[in-house]
C-alpha cells in the first residue's frame, strides 16, 4: 500500500465495503425478486423520494466491482433514510456523492473511462474520482441499510450532483448472471429539516494478519463537535471473528459483534451522545487459516476494519477522522491514533517505517507490531512524517517535536 497515495490521492479511499462482509461467500443468500414481474424494490411514493437502480452482467467464476454514475434531481435532496435491495450475485451496495455536476468521462489522472452505462471499477470504486461523501448503502441481504435519522434530521444531497453507484459481485455459478441493485432515498421537505446529518465513515488502513495466525487492527479517532449517533455497524471480511467499538475512558463498548456477514445494525433509539473532545476506539480481531499473510484491501482476499453509523449534526472532520476541525486540505483518516498489539518501542516502530518506505515496502507490520503503550506518540510521529517529510527532507528536522516525544516514550 502506498501510504502517500492512500491519504492524499482521494477524498474517500477505495473502500468498496467488500464482498464477504456484505453477505459473503457460503453465507446466507442475498434477497431475490419475488414472483415473475414483481419488482425487486418499489420506488418511493411521488414526492417522497427517488430510486436509482443498476443492472449488469457477470461471467461465471468471476469477482468484480461494478459502478455507474447517475444524477441527483435538479432541486437536490434531503434524505431521511435509505432502503437497499440486491438480487443474487450482489454482495454490497454503496452510493457516493461526487463533486461533479456532469458525468465525467475520465479520471482525475486523465484515464478515459466509458461511463455511459455500467463500468468496471475493480481497481477501487472511488479510485481516481472526486468523491465527497457516502450517501447510502447496505451490507445486509435483507436491506438493513446505513442511513436512518429521526424526524427533522436529513442528509443533504447537492442539487444536480453526480452520484456514484457501486456494488461488489461474485458469480460462483457456471452461468452468466445479471444481478440488479436498487436504492431508495426517502426524503423530507427542506422546511422540515432542523439538523443536517451524515454517515460516520472510519477506516483503518493498517491491517496485518500473519499466515495461520491471529491478529488485531485497532484505531482511535477524535470527535470534533458534540454529536448524536442514530445507529452503528461494523465491517470486516471473512477472517473477522470479533469486533468492539467504545469511547475512550468508558468501560463498556457501545457496539460489539462477531459477525462478518449479515452484520447487525444497532439502533440507539433516542441516540448515543458523544461529546467534542472524546475519542472513538474500535478494533477488529481476525483468525487467518491461510498459508499467506493478509493485509488491508477491498477484495475477498484482503481484510477491512470499519466503524460506520448515521449521526448528526454533520461534521466533516469527525466523519473522516481528520486531525483538525477545520482546514480543507487535510487528508482523511490522518487524525487517527493507530494502536498496535506488539512489543516494539516507539523508536523501533518509527525506524521500521523509515526503512520500509525507503525500500518501497509495506509499513503496516511496523504499525501493528508497535506496543499499545506508545500508540499516541508513535501515531503523532507517523502522522507528521506522512504529512510533512518529503523525499529530500530529514524527518529528524521537520518532525523534531514528535520524534523527541517518541524517543522519550
Protein backbone atom coordinates (compact mmCIF):
# COMPACT_ATOMS: atom_id res chain seq x y z
CA UNK A 1 0.00 0.00 0.00
CA UNK A 2 1.32 3.41 -0.98
CA UNK A 3 0.53 5.42 2.14
CA UNK A 4 1.05 8.77 0.50
CA UNK A 5 -1.46 7.86 -2.21
CA UNK A 6 -3.85 6.42 0.35
CA UNK A 7 -4.02 9.56 2.46
CA UNK A 8 -3.63 12.21 -0.21
CA UNK A 9 -4.96 10.87 -3.52
CA UNK A 10 -8.70 10.71 -2.90
CA UNK A 11 -11.31 12.38 -0.75
CA UNK A 12 -12.52 8.93 0.29
CA UNK A 13 -10.31 5.86 -0.20
CA UNK A 14 -11.28 2.95 -2.42
CA UNK A 15 -13.21 1.18 0.28
CA UNK A 16 -15.82 -0.89 -1.51
CA UNK A 17 -17.12 -2.43 1.76
CA UNK A 18 -16.02 -5.60 0.17
CA UNK A 19 -17.68 -8.81 -0.56
CA UNK A 20 -17.60 -11.32 2.27
CA UNK A 21 -18.62 -8.74 4.81
CA UNK A 22 -21.54 -7.69 2.71
CA UNK A 23 -23.19 -11.10 2.54
CA UNK A 24 -20.20 -13.19 1.70
CA UNK A 25 -19.49 -16.49 0.11
CA UNK A 26 -21.05 -19.53 1.64
CA UNK A 27 -23.32 -17.46 3.89
CA UNK A 28 -26.99 -16.62 3.54
CA UNK A 29 -28.06 -15.71 0.04
CA UNK A 30 -28.95 -12.16 -0.99
CA UNK A 31 -32.57 -11.26 -1.48
CA UNK A 32 -34.21 -12.41 -4.72
CA UNK A 33 -37.06 -10.72 -6.58
CA UNK A 34 -40.48 -12.12 -5.81
CA UNK A 35 -42.80 -13.70 -8.34
CA UNK A 36 -42.16 -13.12 -12.06
CA UNK A 37 -42.84 -9.50 -12.89
CA UNK A 38 -42.56 -8.37 -9.27
CA UNK A 39 -40.14 -5.53 -8.61
CA UNK A 40 -37.03 -6.07 -6.52
CA UNK A 41 -37.87 -2.84 -4.67
CA UNK A 42 -40.74 -0.49 -5.44
CA UNK A 43 -39.78 3.19 -5.72
CA UNK A 44 -40.89 5.74 -3.09
CA UNK A 45 -44.25 7.43 -3.47
CA UNK A 46 -44.26 10.51 -5.66
CA UNK A 47 -42.78 13.48 -3.82
CA UNK A 48 -41.32 11.32 -1.05
CA UNK A 49 -38.03 10.26 -2.57
CA UNK A 50 -36.19 8.84 -5.56
CA UNK A 51 -34.92 5.46 -6.71
CA UNK A 52 -31.71 4.56 -8.54
CA UNK A 53 -31.04 1.13 -10.00
CA UNK A 54 -28.20 -0.69 -11.71
CA UNK A 55 -28.21 -3.97 -13.66
CA UNK A 56 -25.08 -5.61 -15.03
CA UNK A 57 -23.62 -8.94 -16.16
CA UNK A 58 -21.03 -11.16 -14.54
CA UNK A 59 -19.25 -14.11 -16.15
CA UNK A 60 -19.09 -17.50 -14.40
CA UNK A 61 -16.50 -17.86 -11.65
CA UNK A 62 -15.58 -14.17 -11.52
CA UNK A 63 -15.46 -11.41 -8.89
CA UNK A 64 -15.61 -7.71 -9.63
CA UNK A 65 -16.58 -4.18 -8.68
CA UNK A 66 -19.13 -2.55 -10.95
CA UNK A 67 -20.12 1.13 -10.93
CA UNK A 68 -22.48 3.56 -12.62
CA UNK A 69 -22.92 7.34 -12.48
CA UNK A 70 -26.38 8.86 -12.05
CA UNK A 71 -27.64 12.39 -11.46
CA UNK A 72 -29.45 13.74 -8.41
CA UNK A 73 -32.57 15.81 -9.11
CA UNK A 74 -32.02 19.46 -10.03
CA UNK A 75 -33.71 20.58 -6.80
CA UNK A 76 -31.45 18.43 -4.62
CA UNK A 77 -32.49 16.02 -1.87
CA UNK A 78 -32.84 15.94 1.90
CA UNK A 79 -32.59 12.24 2.71
CA UNK A 80 -34.01 10.95 5.99
CA UNK A 81 -33.41 7.24 5.34
CA UNK A 82 -32.45 4.77 2.62
CA UNK A 83 -33.53 1.28 1.60
CA UNK A 84 -31.49 -1.15 -0.49
CA UNK A 85 -32.23 -4.46 -2.19
CA UNK A 86 -29.98 -6.57 -4.38
CA UNK A 87 -30.52 -9.78 -6.30
CA UNK A 88 -28.32 -12.88 -6.22
CA UNK A 89 -24.72 -12.09 -7.14
CA UNK A 90 -24.54 -8.73 -5.40
CA UNK A 91 -22.58 -8.57 -2.18
CA UNK A 92 -22.99 -4.94 -1.23
CA UNK A 93 -24.24 -1.62 -2.50
CA UNK A 94 -22.88 1.89 -1.87
CA UNK A 95 -23.95 5.27 -3.17
CA UNK A 96 -21.46 8.17 -3.09
CA UNK A 97 -21.86 11.87 -3.86
CA UNK A 98 -19.14 13.25 -6.13
CA UNK A 99 -18.03 16.82 -6.77
CA UNK A 100 -19.13 16.66 -10.43
CA UNK A 101 -22.11 18.43 -11.98
CA UNK A 102 -21.83 16.42 -15.21
CA UNK A 103 -20.99 12.73 -15.56
CA UNK A 104 -17.21 12.51 -16.07
CA UNK A 105 -15.64 10.54 -18.91
CA UNK A 106 -12.14 10.32 -17.50
CA UNK A 107 -10.48 10.00 -14.11
CA UNK A 108 -8.57 12.79 -12.44
CA UNK A 109 -5.32 11.44 -13.91
CA UNK A 110 -6.74 11.59 -17.45
CA UNK A 111 -7.58 7.89 -17.81
CA UNK A 112 -10.54 7.62 -20.20
CA UNK A 113 -13.46 5.51 -18.94
CA UNK A 114 -16.68 4.67 -20.75
CA UNK A 115 -19.16 5.92 -18.16
CA UNK A 116 -22.18 5.90 -20.47
CA UNK A 117 -23.53 2.95 -18.50
CA UNK A 118 -22.24 0.37 -16.04
CA UNK A 119 -18.44 0.17 -15.98
CA UNK A 120 -15.83 -1.97 -14.23
CA UNK A 121 -14.30 -0.33 -11.15
CA UNK A 122 -12.38 -3.27 -9.73
CA UNK A 123 -9.37 -1.02 -9.14
CA UNK A 124 -11.42 0.56 -6.35
CA UNK A 125 -14.86 2.13 -6.52
CA UNK A 126 -13.69 5.63 -5.70
CA UNK A 127 -10.14 5.39 -7.07
CA UNK A 128 -9.45 8.31 -9.38
CA UNK A 129 -12.81 10.04 -8.93
CA UNK A 130 -13.55 13.15 -6.83
CA UNK A 131 -15.81 11.57 -4.23
CA UNK A 132 -17.18 13.79 -1.46
CA UNK A 133 -19.18 11.55 0.85
CA UNK A 134 -21.12 8.33 1.31
CA UNK A 135 -24.86 8.86 0.88
CA UNK A 136 -26.42 5.41 1.27
CA UNK A 137 -25.72 1.68 1.23
CA UNK A 138 -26.24 -1.72 2.77
CA UNK A 139 -24.19 -4.74 3.70
CA UNK A 140 -27.17 -6.90 4.60
CA UNK A 141 -29.20 -9.21 2.40
CA UNK A 142 -32.47 -8.06 3.99
CA UNK A 143 -31.78 -4.40 3.18
CA UNK A 144 -30.95 -3.23 6.73
CA UNK A 145 -29.32 -0.06 5.47
CA UNK A 146 -26.80 2.53 6.62
CA UNK A 147 -28.77 5.78 6.60
CA UNK A 148 -31.57 6.30 9.10
CA UNK A 149 -32.31 9.51 11.00
CA UNK A 150 -35.02 10.62 13.43
CA UNK A 151 -37.67 13.14 12.45
CA UNK A 152 -36.27 16.52 11.40
CA UNK A 153 -32.80 15.19 10.50
CA UNK A 154 -31.64 14.60 6.93
CA UNK A 155 -28.54 14.32 4.79
CA UNK A 156 -28.30 16.99 2.10
CA UNK A 157 -27.55 15.88 -1.45
CA UNK A 158 -26.39 18.77 -3.59
CA UNK A 159 -28.76 19.84 -6.43
CA UNK A 160 -27.84 18.08 -9.68
CA UNK A 161 -24.87 16.27 -8.10
CA UNK A 162 -23.42 13.29 -9.92
CA UNK A 163 -23.76 10.20 -7.73
CA UNK A 164 -21.60 7.07 -7.98
CA UNK A 165 -23.32 3.70 -7.58
CA UNK A 166 -21.11 0.76 -6.60
CA UNK A 167 -21.68 -2.94 -6.00
CA UNK A 168 -19.33 -5.87 -5.43
CA UNK A 169 -20.23 -9.13 -7.12
CA UNK A 170 -19.21 -12.77 -7.05
CA UNK A 171 -20.58 -15.30 -9.52
CA UNK A 172 -19.83 -18.75 -8.14
CA UNK A 173 -22.14 -20.41 -10.67
CA UNK A 174 -21.39 -21.91 -14.08
CA UNK A 175 -23.64 -19.43 -15.88
CA UNK A 176 -23.65 -15.74 -16.72
CA UNK A 177 -25.76 -13.79 -14.22
CA UNK A 178 -27.39 -10.37 -14.46
CA UNK A 179 -27.54 -9.03 -10.90
CA UNK A 180 -29.58 -5.95 -10.03
CA UNK A 181 -29.39 -3.46 -7.18
CA UNK A 182 -31.86 -0.74 -6.24
CA UNK A 183 -31.65 2.03 -3.68
CA UNK A 184 -34.46 4.23 -2.45
CA UNK A 185 -33.67 7.60 -0.92
CA UNK A 186 -36.63 8.68 1.21
CA UNK A 187 -36.75 12.45 1.57
CA UNK A 188 -38.37 15.14 3.67
CA UNK A 189 -39.12 18.74 2.62
CA UNK A 190 -36.33 21.22 3.27
CA UNK A 191 -38.69 23.20 5.51
CA UNK A 192 -38.88 20.21 7.88
CA UNK A 193 -35.10 19.81 8.19
CA UNK A 194 -33.88 21.01 11.58
CA UNK A 195 -30.44 19.36 11.53
CA UNK A 196 -28.18 18.05 8.77
CA UNK A 197 -26.84 14.53 9.30
CA UNK A 198 -24.02 12.43 7.88
CA UNK A 199 -22.58 8.90 7.91
CA UNK A 200 -19.65 8.21 10.22
CA UNK A 201 -17.06 6.51 7.99
CA UNK A 202 -13.97 5.39 9.93
CA UNK A 203 -11.50 3.19 8.04
CA UNK A 204 -8.29 1.60 9.31
CA UNK A 205 -5.63 1.22 6.57
CA UNK A 206 -3.24 -0.71 8.81
CA UNK A 207 -4.30 -4.36 8.90
CA UNK A 208 -1.85 -7.25 9.05
CA UNK A 209 -2.69 -10.85 9.91
CA UNK A 210 0.14 -13.35 9.59
CA UNK A 211 -0.20 -16.69 7.85
CA UNK A 212 -2.12 -19.19 10.00
CA UNK A 213 -2.18 -16.68 12.83
CA UNK A 214 -4.45 -14.31 14.72
CA UNK A 215 -4.29 -10.54 14.57
CA UNK A 216 -5.96 -7.29 15.58
CA UNK A 217 -6.43 -3.93 13.88
CA UNK A 218 -7.23 -1.07 16.25
CA UNK A 219 -7.76 2.62 15.64
CA UNK A 220 -8.92 5.67 17.59
CA UNK A 221 -10.45 8.79 16.06
CA UNK A 222 -11.25 12.22 17.54
CA UNK A 223 -14.72 13.71 17.84
CA UNK A 224 -14.55 17.41 16.99
CA UNK A 225 -18.08 18.51 17.95
CA UNK A 226 -20.96 17.22 20.06
CA UNK A 227 -22.83 14.58 18.04
CA UNK A 228 -25.68 12.09 18.39
CA UNK A 229 -25.28 8.66 16.80
CA UNK A 230 -28.55 7.21 15.46
CA UNK A 231 -27.23 3.77 14.51
CA UNK A 232 -23.93 1.97 14.09
CA UNK A 233 -22.50 -1.14 12.45
CA UNK A 234 -19.17 -2.90 11.97
CA UNK A 235 -17.40 -4.09 8.86
CA UNK A 236 -14.90 -6.93 8.45
CA UNK A 237 -14.21 -9.67 5.91
CA UNK A 238 -14.36 -13.45 6.32
CA UNK A 239 -11.41 -13.67 8.76
CA UNK A 240 -13.13 -11.36 11.22
CA UNK A 241 -14.07 -13.14 14.45
CA UNK A 242 -14.62 -10.25 16.88
CA UNK A 243 -15.36 -6.54 16.92
CA UNK A 244 -15.86 -3.83 19.53
CA UNK A 245 -16.35 -0.07 19.47
CA UNK A 246 -16.23 2.19 22.51
CA UNK A 247 -15.48 5.68 23.73
CA UNK A 248 -12.02 6.11 25.24
CA UNK A 249 -12.37 6.21 29.02
CA UNK A 250 -15.67 4.31 29.13
CA UNK A 251 -15.54 0.76 30.40
CA UNK A 252 -18.19 -0.84 28.19
CA UNK A 253 -18.28 -0.88 24.37
CA UNK A 254 -21.33 0.68 22.75
CA UNK A 255 -21.22 -1.94 20.00
CA UNK A 256 -19.88 -5.49 19.74
CA UNK A 257 -20.15 -8.18 17.10
CA UNK A 258 -18.72 -11.49 15.98
CA UNK A 259 -20.27 -11.30 12.51
CA UNK A 260 -18.57 -10.54 9.23
CA UNK A 261 -21.71 -11.09 7.13
CA UNK A 262 -25.32 -10.01 7.62
CA UNK A 263 -23.94 -7.55 10.14
CA UNK A 264 -26.24 -6.26 12.86
CA UNK A 265 -27.13 -2.57 12.61
CA UNK A 266 -27.64 -1.29 16.17
CA UNK A 267 -30.29 1.40 16.53
CA UNK A 268 -29.79 3.70 19.51
CA UNK A 269 -33.38 4.92 19.70
CA UNK A 270 -33.11 8.46 21.04
CA UNK A 271 -29.42 8.40 20.14
CA UNK A 272 -25.98 7.86 21.63
CA UNK A 273 -24.49 11.16 22.80
CA UNK A 274 -20.78 11.72 22.13
CA UNK A 275 -19.06 14.90 23.29
CA UNK A 276 -16.48 17.02 21.49
CA UNK A 277 -13.00 16.05 22.64
CA UNK A 278 -13.87 12.39 23.16
CA UNK A 279 -12.32 9.65 21.01
CA UNK A 280 -13.79 6.61 19.29
CA UNK A 281 -11.82 3.43 19.92
CA UNK A 282 -12.64 0.42 17.76
CA UNK A 283 -10.92 -2.82 16.79
CA UNK A 284 -11.31 -5.96 14.70
CA UNK A 285 -9.98 -9.38 15.65
CA UNK A 286 -9.01 -11.86 12.93
CA UNK A 287 -8.16 -15.53 12.57
CA UNK A 288 -6.28 -16.36 9.38
CA UNK A 289 -6.21 -20.04 8.42
CA UNK A 290 -4.48 -19.35 5.11
CA UNK A 291 -0.81 -20.05 4.40
CA UNK A 292 -0.19 -16.40 3.48
CA UNK A 293 -0.19 -13.01 5.15
CA UNK A 294 -3.32 -10.89 4.79
CA UNK A 295 -3.39 -7.09 4.56
CA UNK A 296 -5.95 -4.30 4.19
CA UNK A 297 -7.74 -4.13 0.86
CA UNK A 298 -11.08 -4.26 -0.98
CA UNK A 299 -11.09 -7.85 -2.27
CA UNK A 300 -12.23 -11.07 -0.63
CA UNK A 301 -8.54 -11.98 -0.32
CA UNK A 302 -7.97 -8.84 1.78
CA UNK A 303 -9.34 -7.56 5.07
CA UNK A 304 -11.08 -4.43 6.35
CA UNK A 305 -11.93 -2.83 9.69
CA UNK A 306 -14.51 -0.05 9.75
CA UNK A 307 -16.91 1.80 12.03
CA UNK A 308 -19.99 3.08 10.19
CA UNK A 309 -23.03 4.91 11.51
CA UNK A 310 -25.64 7.60 10.92
CA UNK A 311 -25.15 10.62 13.14
CA UNK A 312 -25.96 14.33 13.47
CA UNK A 313 -25.18 17.19 13.24
CA UNK A 314 -22.87 16.60 10.29
CA UNK A 315 -19.20 17.36 10.92
CA UNK A 316 -16.78 16.66 8.09
CA UNK A 317 -13.71 16.30 10.31
CA UNK A 318 -15.39 13.79 12.62
CA UNK A 319 -16.86 11.82 9.72
CA UNK A 320 -13.44 11.12 8.21
CA UNK A 321 -11.17 11.07 11.27
CA UNK A 322 -9.33 14.27 10.40
CA UNK A 323 -6.69 15.77 12.63
CA UNK A 324 -8.19 19.26 12.91
CA UNK A 325 -11.80 20.52 13.00
CA UNK A 326 -11.20 22.90 10.09
CA UNK A 327 -8.98 23.04 7.02
CA UNK A 328 -10.00 21.88 3.52
CA UNK A 329 -6.61 20.42 2.60
CA UNK A 330 -6.48 17.79 5.35
CA UNK A 331 -6.30 14.17 4.22
CA UNK A 332 -8.90 11.79 5.57
CA UNK A 333 -8.03 9.44 8.46
CA UNK A 334 -4.82 11.34 9.21
CA UNK A 335 -6.14 12.29 12.66
CA UNK A 336 -6.16 8.67 13.84
CA UNK A 337 -4.24 7.08 16.66
CA UNK A 338 -3.17 3.62 15.50
CA UNK A 339 -2.89 1.13 18.32
CA UNK A 340 -0.54 -1.80 17.79
CA UNK A 341 -0.59 -5.17 19.53
CA UNK A 342 3.15 -5.98 19.59
CA UNK A 343 6.13 -5.10 21.75
CA UNK A 344 8.15 -2.69 19.59
CA UNK A 345 9.08 0.63 21.19
CA UNK A 346 8.15 3.94 19.58
CA UNK A 347 11.72 4.42 18.29
CA UNK A 348 11.84 0.88 16.89
CA UNK A 349 8.48 1.28 15.21
CA UNK A 350 9.38 4.59 13.58
CA UNK A 351 12.73 3.22 12.39
CA UNK A 352 10.81 0.30 10.86
CA UNK A 353 8.57 2.77 8.98
CA UNK A 354 11.54 4.69 7.59
CA UNK A 355 13.30 1.52 6.46
CA UNK A 356 10.16 0.12 4.84
CA UNK A 357 9.36 3.31 2.93
CA UNK A 358 12.96 3.65 1.77
CA UNK A 359 12.78 0.10 0.41
CA UNK A 360 9.36 0.63 -1.16
CA UNK A 361 7.78 -1.91 1.17
CA UNK A 362 4.64 -2.14 3.31
CA UNK A 363 4.70 -0.27 6.63
CA UNK A 364 1.60 -1.98 8.04
CA UNK A 365 3.52 -4.53 10.12
CA UNK A 366 5.55 -1.66 11.63
CA UNK A 367 2.29 -0.22 12.93
CA UNK A 368 0.61 -3.40 14.13
CA UNK A 369 3.79 -4.66 15.84
CA UNK A 370 4.15 -1.49 17.90
CA UNK A 371 3.41 -1.51 21.63
CA UNK A 372 -0.06 -0.18 22.52
CA UNK A 373 1.56 1.90 25.28
CA UNK A 374 3.28 4.12 22.68
CA UNK A 375 0.31 4.46 20.29
CA UNK A 376 -0.19 8.20 20.81
CA UNK A 377 3.47 9.18 20.43
CA UNK A 378 4.10 6.80 17.53
CA UNK A 379 0.94 7.93 15.70
CA UNK A 380 1.92 11.60 16.14
CA UNK A 381 5.36 10.90 14.67
CA UNK A 382 3.95 8.82 11.81
CA UNK A 383 1.31 11.46 11.04
CA UNK A 384 3.94 14.19 10.88
CA UNK A 385 6.14 12.06 8.64
CA UNK A 386 3.29 11.32 6.21
CA UNK A 387 2.19 14.96 6.09
CA UNK A 388 5.50 16.85 6.09
CA UNK A 389 8.50 14.72 5.25
CA UNK A 390 9.31 14.64 1.53
CA UNK A 391 11.95 12.53 -0.25
CA UNK A 392 14.68 15.13 0.38
CA UNK A 393 13.58 16.16 3.87
CA UNK A 394 15.01 14.83 7.10
CA UNK A 395 12.18 13.78 9.47
CA UNK A 396 14.52 14.47 12.38
CA UNK A 397 14.24 18.15 11.43
CA UNK A 398 10.70 18.61 10.14
CA UNK A 399 9.19 16.32 12.82
CA UNK A 400 11.62 17.04 15.67
CA UNK A 401 8.96 17.68 18.32
CA UNK A 402 7.06 14.49 17.54
CA UNK A 403 10.22 12.38 17.26
CA UNK A 404 11.60 13.71 20.55
CA UNK A 405 8.35 12.67 22.28
CA UNK A 406 8.54 9.28 20.55
CA UNK A 407 12.11 8.68 21.68
CA UNK A 408 11.32 9.81 25.21
CA UNK A 409 8.40 7.38 25.44
